[in-house]
Amino acid sequence: MRIPLRVAALLVLFAATPTVAQWRSGAADIPLDGEGNVWTLRAKLNDRVSGTFLLDTGASVCVLAPSIARKLDLEETGTDVELRTANGVVKAPLVKIDSIQVGRYRAEDVPAVVHSAAGSLDGVLGLSFLNTFDGYKIDTRNHTLRLDD
């Protein structure tokens, strides 16, 4: 069976054209580590302290491990925030992070609380970080985060 030249040319063109996911993923996408239900990523706080953070779209506020808060020398705002954790409701001091850098994206004056809820990670990036952008999308197939600025 012979394939007409035009059909063969179209097949080559379609084979060479990137899929939607390939087309949309680019240098601005932030790599995520994890397997679908838990995602972590690298972030730099106040231009000097880097760490690994849990990405949590269900957390209303970012959480910093006490060790990271000490490295950043953050001052408490004088307000405590109630957190609903798996172990019940706890209070944690509210702080303000001057900047959080993830990939090429930067958020400034981000509210956070200091608490050991993140376990062995350096903290949690929640909605107080994500909502500083126009939108966000987690691409589970390519393990990336896209932030719209």
N, C-alpha and C. Protein backbone atom coordinates (compact mmCIF):
# COMPACT_ATOMS: atom_id res chain seq x y z
N MET A 1 0.85 -1.17 0.00
CA MET A 1 0.00 0.00 0.00
C MET A 1 0.89 1.24 0.00
N ARG A 2 0.64 2.12 -0.95
CA ARG A 2 1.42 3.35 -1.06
C ARG A 2 0.65 4.50 -0.46
N ILE A 3 1.35 5.32 0.32
CA ILE A 3 0.74 6.50 0.94
C ILE A 3 1.05 7.68 0.04
N PRO A 4 0.02 8.45 -0.35
CA PRO A 4 0.28 9.64 -1.19
C PRO A 4 1.26 10.57 -0.48
N LEU A 5 2.04 11.29 -1.26
CA LEU A 5 3.10 12.17 -0.74
C LEU A 5 2.54 13.20 0.23
N ARG A 6 1.38 13.79 -0.07
CA ARG A 6 0.81 14.81 0.81
C ARG A 6 0.44 14.21 2.17
N VAL A 7 -0.13 13.02 2.17
CA VAL A 7 -0.50 12.38 3.44
C VAL A 7 0.76 12.06 4.24
N ALA A 8 1.80 11.57 3.58
CA ALA A 8 3.05 11.27 4.27
C ALA A 8 3.65 12.53 4.87
N ALA A 9 3.59 13.64 4.14
CA ALA A 9 4.12 14.91 4.65
C ALA A 9 3.34 15.36 5.89
N LEU A 10 2.00 15.20 5.87
CA LEU A 10 1.20 15.56 7.04
C LEU A 10 1.51 14.68 8.23
N LEU A 11 1.70 13.38 7.99
CA LEU A 11 2.05 12.48 9.08
C LEU A 11 3.37 12.87 9.72
N VAL A 12 4.35 13.24 8.91
CA VAL A 12 5.63 13.68 9.44
C VAL A 12 5.45 14.97 10.24
N LEU A 13 4.64 15.89 9.72
CA LEU A 13 4.39 17.16 10.41
C LEU A 13 3.72 16.91 11.76
N PHE A 14 2.68 16.06 11.80
CA PHE A 14 2.00 15.78 13.06
C PHE A 14 2.92 15.07 14.05
N ALA A 15 3.75 14.20 13.56
CA ALA A 15 4.67 13.48 14.45
C ALA A 15 5.70 14.43 15.06
N ALA A 16 6.06 15.47 14.35
CA ALA A 16 7.07 16.42 14.82
C ALA A 16 6.47 17.53 15.68
N THR A 17 5.13 17.71 15.63
CA THR A 17 4.48 18.76 16.39
C THR A 17 4.36 18.35 17.85
N PRO A 18 4.77 19.21 18.79
CA PRO A 18 4.68 18.84 20.20
C PRO A 18 3.23 18.69 20.65
N THR A 19 3.00 17.83 21.63
CA THR A 19 1.67 17.71 22.21
C THR A 19 1.39 18.96 23.03
N VAL A 20 0.15 19.10 23.46
CA VAL A 20 -0.22 20.29 24.23
C VAL A 20 0.65 20.43 25.47
N ALA A 21 0.84 19.35 26.22
CA ALA A 21 1.65 19.42 27.44
C ALA A 21 3.08 19.81 27.13
N GLN A 22 3.65 19.23 26.06
CA GLN A 22 5.01 19.58 25.69
C GLN A 22 5.09 21.04 25.24
N TRP A 23 4.09 21.47 24.52
CA TRP A 23 4.09 22.83 23.99
C TRP A 23 4.01 23.85 25.12
N ARG A 24 3.21 23.56 26.13
CA ARG A 24 3.01 24.51 27.22
C ARG A 24 4.12 24.48 28.26
N SER A 25 4.79 23.35 28.39
CA SER A 25 5.85 23.32 29.40
C SER A 25 7.07 24.04 28.87
N GLY A 26 7.67 24.86 29.70
CA GLY A 26 8.81 25.64 29.26
C GLY A 26 9.70 26.00 30.42
N ALA A 27 10.59 26.95 30.18
CA ALA A 27 11.58 27.34 31.18
C ALA A 27 10.92 27.92 32.43
N ALA A 28 9.69 28.44 32.31
CA ALA A 28 9.02 29.07 33.44
C ALA A 28 8.39 28.04 34.38
N ASP A 29 8.25 26.80 33.93
CA ASP A 29 7.64 25.78 34.77
C ASP A 29 8.59 25.39 35.90
N ILE A 30 8.02 25.16 37.05
CA ILE A 30 8.79 24.83 38.25
C ILE A 30 8.71 23.33 38.47
N PRO A 31 9.85 22.65 38.55
CA PRO A 31 9.81 21.20 38.76
C PRO A 31 9.30 20.85 40.16
N LEU A 32 8.47 19.82 40.20
CA LEU A 32 7.94 19.31 41.47
C LEU A 32 8.46 17.90 41.70
N ASP A 33 8.74 17.59 42.94
CA ASP A 33 9.09 16.23 43.33
C ASP A 33 7.87 15.62 43.99
N GLY A 34 7.59 14.37 43.70
CA GLY A 34 6.47 13.70 44.31
C GLY A 34 5.78 12.79 43.33
N GLU A 35 4.70 12.19 43.79
CA GLU A 35 3.99 11.21 42.98
C GLU A 35 2.49 11.46 42.87
N GLY A 36 2.05 12.68 42.96
CA GLY A 36 0.65 12.95 42.71
C GLY A 36 -0.17 13.41 43.89
N ASN A 37 0.01 12.81 45.07
CA ASN A 37 -0.77 13.30 46.20
C ASN A 37 0.05 14.21 47.10
N VAL A 38 1.36 14.16 46.99
CA VAL A 38 2.24 15.03 47.77
C VAL A 38 3.30 15.59 46.84
N TRP A 39 3.37 16.92 46.78
CA TRP A 39 4.36 17.58 45.92
C TRP A 39 5.28 18.44 46.78
N THR A 40 6.57 18.39 46.50
CA THR A 40 7.52 19.28 47.17
C THR A 40 8.29 20.05 46.11
N LEU A 41 8.84 21.18 46.50
CA LEU A 41 9.63 22.01 45.60
C LEU A 41 10.65 22.82 46.39
N ARG A 42 11.61 23.36 45.68
CA ARG A 42 12.66 24.18 46.30
C ARG A 42 12.23 25.65 46.25
N ALA A 43 12.50 26.36 47.32
CA ALA A 43 12.20 27.79 47.39
C ALA A 43 13.31 28.50 48.14
N LYS A 44 13.47 29.79 47.82
CA LYS A 44 14.46 30.62 48.51
C LYS A 44 13.72 31.75 49.21
N LEU A 45 13.99 31.91 50.51
CA LEU A 45 13.31 32.92 51.30
C LEU A 45 14.26 34.06 51.63
N ASN A 46 13.73 35.28 51.50
CA ASN A 46 14.47 36.50 51.80
C ASN A 46 15.84 36.54 51.12
N ASP A 47 15.92 35.97 49.94
CA ASP A 47 17.13 35.97 49.10
C ASP A 47 18.33 35.33 49.77
N ARG A 48 18.12 34.52 50.82
CA ARG A 48 19.30 33.96 51.48
C ARG A 48 19.16 32.55 52.04
N VAL A 49 17.95 32.07 52.30
CA VAL A 49 17.78 30.74 52.87
C VAL A 49 16.94 29.89 51.93
N SER A 50 17.53 28.78 51.45
CA SER A 50 16.81 27.86 50.56
C SER A 50 16.36 26.64 51.33
N GLY A 51 15.29 26.04 50.85
CA GLY A 51 14.80 24.83 51.50
C GLY A 51 13.82 24.07 50.64
N THR A 52 13.38 22.94 51.15
CA THR A 52 12.39 22.10 50.48
C THR A 52 11.07 22.27 51.19
N PHE A 53 10.03 22.58 50.41
CA PHE A 53 8.73 22.90 50.97
C PHE A 53 7.64 22.02 50.36
N LEU A 54 6.67 21.70 51.16
CA LEU A 54 5.48 21.00 50.70
C LEU A 54 4.60 22.02 50.00
N LEU A 55 4.10 21.70 48.81
CA LEU A 55 3.14 22.55 48.12
C LEU A 55 1.76 22.08 48.54
N ASP A 56 0.98 22.97 49.19
CA ASP A 56 -0.31 22.57 49.73
C ASP A 56 -1.37 23.60 49.37
N THR A 57 -2.19 23.27 48.36
CA THR A 57 -3.24 24.19 47.92
C THR A 57 -4.40 24.25 48.92
N GLY A 58 -4.38 23.39 49.92
CA GLY A 58 -5.42 23.40 50.95
C GLY A 58 -5.02 24.15 52.20
N ALA A 59 -3.76 24.59 52.25
CA ALA A 59 -3.29 25.35 53.42
C ALA A 59 -3.52 26.84 53.16
N SER A 60 -4.24 27.50 54.05
CA SER A 60 -4.53 28.92 53.82
C SER A 60 -3.32 29.80 54.02
N VAL A 61 -2.36 29.35 54.81
CA VAL A 61 -1.19 30.16 55.10
C VAL A 61 0.08 29.30 54.99
N CYS A 62 1.18 29.93 54.65
CA CYS A 62 2.46 29.23 54.60
C CYS A 62 2.90 28.90 56.03
N VAL A 63 3.65 27.82 56.15
CA VAL A 63 4.16 27.39 57.45
C VAL A 63 5.68 27.26 57.35
N LEU A 64 6.39 27.81 58.31
CA LEU A 64 7.84 27.70 58.36
C LEU A 64 8.25 26.84 59.55
N ALA A 65 9.20 25.96 59.32
CA ALA A 65 9.78 25.21 60.42
C ALA A 65 10.50 26.19 61.34
N PRO A 66 10.49 25.96 62.64
CA PRO A 66 11.17 26.87 63.57
C PRO A 66 12.64 27.10 63.22
N SER A 67 13.33 26.07 62.71
CA SER A 67 14.75 26.24 62.35
C SER A 67 14.93 27.23 61.20
N ILE A 68 14.02 27.23 60.24
CA ILE A 68 14.09 28.18 59.12
C ILE A 68 13.77 29.59 59.61
N ALA A 69 12.78 29.72 60.47
CA ALA A 69 12.43 31.03 61.03
C ALA A 69 13.62 31.63 61.79
N ARG A 70 14.36 30.77 62.52
CA ARG A 70 15.54 31.26 63.25
C ARG A 70 16.62 31.72 62.26
N LYS A 71 16.85 30.95 61.20
CA LYS A 71 17.86 31.34 60.20
C LYS A 71 17.51 32.67 59.55
N LEU A 72 16.22 32.92 59.37
CA LEU A 72 15.77 34.17 58.75
C LEU A 72 15.68 35.31 59.75
N ASP A 73 15.80 34.99 61.03
CA ASP A 73 15.70 35.98 62.11
C ASP A 73 14.40 36.79 62.00
N LEU A 74 13.30 36.06 61.85
CA LEU A 74 11.99 36.70 61.69
C LEU A 74 11.42 37.14 63.03
N GLU A 75 10.78 38.29 63.01
CA GLU A 75 10.12 38.79 64.20
C GLU A 75 8.65 38.44 64.14
N GLU A 76 8.11 38.00 65.26
CA GLU A 76 6.68 37.71 65.33
C GLU A 76 5.91 39.02 65.26
N THR A 77 4.72 38.95 64.65
CA THR A 77 3.88 40.15 64.51
C THR A 77 3.10 40.45 65.78
N GLY A 78 3.12 39.52 66.73
CA GLY A 78 2.32 39.69 67.95
C GLY A 78 0.96 39.04 67.83
N THR A 79 0.68 38.44 66.71
CA THR A 79 -0.59 37.76 66.48
C THR A 79 -0.36 36.27 66.40
N ASP A 80 -1.21 35.51 67.06
CA ASP A 80 -1.18 34.05 66.93
C ASP A 80 -2.32 33.62 66.03
N VAL A 81 -2.07 32.58 65.25
CA VAL A 81 -3.07 32.06 64.32
C VAL A 81 -3.42 30.64 64.77
N GLU A 82 -4.71 30.31 64.73
CA GLU A 82 -5.13 28.96 65.04
C GLU A 82 -5.00 28.09 63.79
N LEU A 83 -4.32 26.96 63.94
CA LEU A 83 -4.14 26.01 62.85
C LEU A 83 -4.90 24.74 63.17
N ARG A 84 -5.62 24.24 62.20
CA ARG A 84 -6.30 22.96 62.36
C ARG A 84 -5.38 21.89 61.80
N THR A 85 -4.84 21.07 62.65
CA THR A 85 -3.91 20.02 62.25
C THR A 85 -4.54 18.65 62.51
N ALA A 86 -3.85 17.61 62.09
CA ALA A 86 -4.32 16.25 62.35
C ALA A 86 -4.40 15.97 63.84
N ASN A 87 -3.63 16.70 64.63
CA ASN A 87 -3.62 16.51 66.09
C ASN A 87 -4.52 17.50 66.81
N GLY A 88 -5.35 18.21 66.08
CA GLY A 88 -6.25 19.17 66.70
C GLY A 88 -5.85 20.60 66.39
N VAL A 89 -6.46 21.53 67.07
CA VAL A 89 -6.22 22.96 66.86
C VAL A 89 -5.04 23.40 67.72
N VAL A 90 -4.08 24.09 67.08
CA VAL A 90 -2.93 24.62 67.80
C VAL A 90 -2.77 26.09 67.43
N LYS A 91 -2.08 26.83 68.26
CA LYS A 91 -1.79 28.24 67.96
C LYS A 91 -0.34 28.36 67.54
N ALA A 92 -0.10 29.25 66.56
CA ALA A 92 1.26 29.48 66.07
C ALA A 92 1.44 30.96 65.80
N PRO A 93 2.66 31.48 66.04
CA PRO A 93 2.90 32.92 65.82
C PRO A 93 2.93 33.26 64.32
N LEU A 94 2.33 34.40 64.00
CA LEU A 94 2.31 34.91 62.63
C LEU A 94 3.57 35.73 62.38
N VAL A 95 4.20 35.52 61.22
CA VAL A 95 5.37 36.29 60.79
C VAL A 95 5.14 36.76 59.36
N LYS A 96 6.00 37.63 58.90
CA LYS A 96 5.94 38.12 57.51
C LYS A 96 7.27 37.80 56.86
N ILE A 97 7.21 37.10 55.70
CA ILE A 97 8.41 36.78 54.94
C ILE A 97 8.58 37.86 53.88
N ASP A 98 9.75 38.50 53.84
CA ASP A 98 9.97 39.58 52.87
C ASP A 98 9.80 39.09 51.44
N SER A 99 10.34 37.91 51.11
CA SER A 99 10.20 37.39 49.75
C SER A 99 10.33 35.87 49.73
N ILE A 100 9.59 35.28 48.82
CA ILE A 100 9.71 33.85 48.52
C ILE A 100 9.94 33.73 47.03
N GLN A 101 11.04 33.11 46.67
CA GLN A 101 11.42 32.93 45.26
C GLN A 101 11.30 31.45 44.92
N VAL A 102 10.50 31.14 43.90
CA VAL A 102 10.35 29.78 43.39
C VAL A 102 10.56 29.86 41.88
N GLY A 103 11.64 29.26 41.41
CA GLY A 103 11.97 29.43 39.99
C GLY A 103 12.18 30.89 39.70
N ARG A 104 11.56 31.38 38.64
CA ARG A 104 11.68 32.80 38.30
C ARG A 104 10.61 33.66 38.97
N TYR A 105 9.73 33.02 39.73
CA TYR A 105 8.61 33.71 40.35
C TYR A 105 8.95 34.18 41.76
N ARG A 106 8.45 35.37 42.09
CA ARG A 106 8.77 35.97 43.39
C ARG A 106 7.50 36.58 43.98
N ALA A 107 7.28 36.28 45.26
CA ALA A 107 6.18 36.89 46.00
C ALA A 107 6.79 37.66 47.16
N GLU A 108 6.22 38.79 47.50
CA GLU A 108 6.77 39.62 48.57
C GLU A 108 5.73 39.82 49.67
N ASP A 109 6.26 40.06 50.89
CA ASP A 109 5.42 40.30 52.07
C ASP A 109 4.39 39.19 52.26
N VAL A 110 4.87 37.97 52.36
CA VAL A 110 4.00 36.79 52.46
C VAL A 110 3.79 36.42 53.93
N PRO A 111 2.53 36.39 54.38
CA PRO A 111 2.26 35.96 55.75
C PRO A 111 2.55 34.46 55.91
N ALA A 112 3.05 34.09 57.07
CA ALA A 112 3.33 32.70 57.37
C ALA A 112 3.23 32.50 58.88
N VAL A 113 3.16 31.26 59.30
CA VAL A 113 3.21 30.93 60.71
C VAL A 113 4.42 30.05 60.96
N VAL A 114 4.90 30.07 62.17
CA VAL A 114 6.04 29.24 62.55
C VAL A 114 5.51 28.08 63.38
N HIS A 115 5.74 26.87 62.85
CA HIS A 115 5.26 25.68 63.53
C HIS A 115 5.97 24.46 62.97
N SER A 116 6.06 23.43 63.76
CA SER A 116 6.74 22.21 63.32
C SER A 116 5.84 21.26 62.54
N ALA A 117 4.69 21.74 62.08
CA ALA A 117 3.71 20.89 61.37
C ALA A 117 4.26 20.30 60.08
N ALA A 118 5.30 20.87 59.50
CA ALA A 118 5.83 20.39 58.22
C ALA A 118 6.72 19.16 58.40
N GLY A 119 6.92 18.73 59.62
CA GLY A 119 7.73 17.54 59.86
C GLY A 119 9.18 17.75 59.48
N SER A 120 9.71 16.88 58.64
CA SER A 120 11.13 16.96 58.27
C SER A 120 11.40 17.97 57.16
N LEU A 121 10.36 18.57 56.59
CA LEU A 121 10.54 19.58 55.55
C LEU A 121 10.81 20.95 56.18
N ASP A 122 11.19 21.91 55.33
CA ASP A 122 11.47 23.26 55.81
C ASP A 122 10.21 24.10 55.97
N GLY A 123 9.11 23.61 55.46
CA GLY A 123 7.85 24.33 55.60
C GLY A 123 6.83 23.92 54.58
N VAL A 124 5.77 24.72 54.51
CA VAL A 124 4.65 24.49 53.60
C VAL A 124 4.40 25.78 52.83
N LEU A 125 4.29 25.68 51.52
CA LEU A 125 3.87 26.82 50.71
C LEU A 125 2.38 26.66 50.46
N GLY A 126 1.59 27.54 51.06
CA GLY A 126 0.15 27.48 50.94
C GLY A 126 -0.40 28.65 50.14
N LEU A 127 -1.67 28.94 50.38
CA LEU A 127 -2.36 29.96 49.60
C LEU A 127 -1.85 31.38 49.85
N SER A 128 -1.27 31.66 51.01
CA SER A 128 -0.74 33.01 51.22
C SER A 128 0.42 33.29 50.25
N PHE A 129 1.04 32.26 49.71
CA PHE A 129 2.03 32.40 48.63
C PHE A 129 1.35 32.31 47.27
N LEU A 130 0.60 31.24 47.03
CA LEU A 130 0.01 30.98 45.71
C LEU A 130 -0.95 32.09 45.26
N ASN A 131 -1.71 32.67 46.20
CA ASN A 131 -2.69 33.69 45.83
C ASN A 131 -2.08 35.05 45.51
N THR A 132 -0.76 35.19 45.62
CA THR A 132 -0.13 36.43 45.19
C THR A 132 0.02 36.46 43.67
N PHE A 133 -0.29 35.35 43.02
CA PHE A 133 -0.21 35.25 41.56
C PHE A 133 -1.62 35.23 40.98
N ASP A 134 -1.73 35.50 39.68
CA ASP A 134 -3.04 35.53 39.03
C ASP A 134 -3.67 34.14 38.96
N GLY A 135 -2.85 33.12 39.02
CA GLY A 135 -3.36 31.75 38.99
C GLY A 135 -2.21 30.78 39.10
N TYR A 136 -2.55 29.51 39.22
CA TYR A 136 -1.52 28.48 39.28
C TYR A 136 -2.11 27.19 38.73
N LYS A 137 -1.23 26.33 38.24
CA LYS A 137 -1.66 25.05 37.69
C LYS A 137 -0.59 24.01 38.01
N ILE A 138 -1.03 22.88 38.52
CA ILE A 138 -0.13 21.76 38.76
C ILE A 138 -0.33 20.77 37.63
N ASP A 139 0.73 20.51 36.89
CA ASP A 139 0.70 19.53 35.80
C ASP A 139 1.21 18.21 36.36
N THR A 140 0.27 17.32 36.71
CA THR A 140 0.65 16.07 37.37
C THR A 140 1.41 15.14 36.44
N ARG A 141 1.13 15.21 35.16
CA ARG A 141 1.82 14.33 34.21
C ARG A 141 3.30 14.70 34.08
N ASN A 142 3.58 16.00 34.03
CA ASN A 142 4.96 16.46 33.85
C ASN A 142 5.64 16.87 35.15
N HIS A 143 4.91 16.76 36.26
CA HIS A 143 5.47 17.10 37.59
C HIS A 143 5.98 18.54 37.62
N THR A 144 5.13 19.47 37.21
CA THR A 144 5.52 20.88 37.20
C THR A 144 4.41 21.75 37.79
N LEU A 145 4.83 22.92 38.24
CA LEU A 145 3.93 23.96 38.71
C LEU A 145 4.09 25.15 37.80
N ARG A 146 2.99 25.73 37.35
CA ARG A 146 3.01 26.94 36.55
C ARG A 146 2.29 28.03 37.32
N LEU A 147 2.96 29.15 37.52
CA LEU A 147 2.36 30.30 38.17
C LEU A 147 2.11 31.38 37.13
N ASP A 148 0.95 32.01 37.17
CA ASP A 148 0.62 33.10 36.26
C ASP A 148 0.88 34.43 36.95
N ASP A 149 1.75 35.24 36.37
CA ASP A 149 1.99 36.55 36.98
C ASP A 149 1.52 37.67 36.11
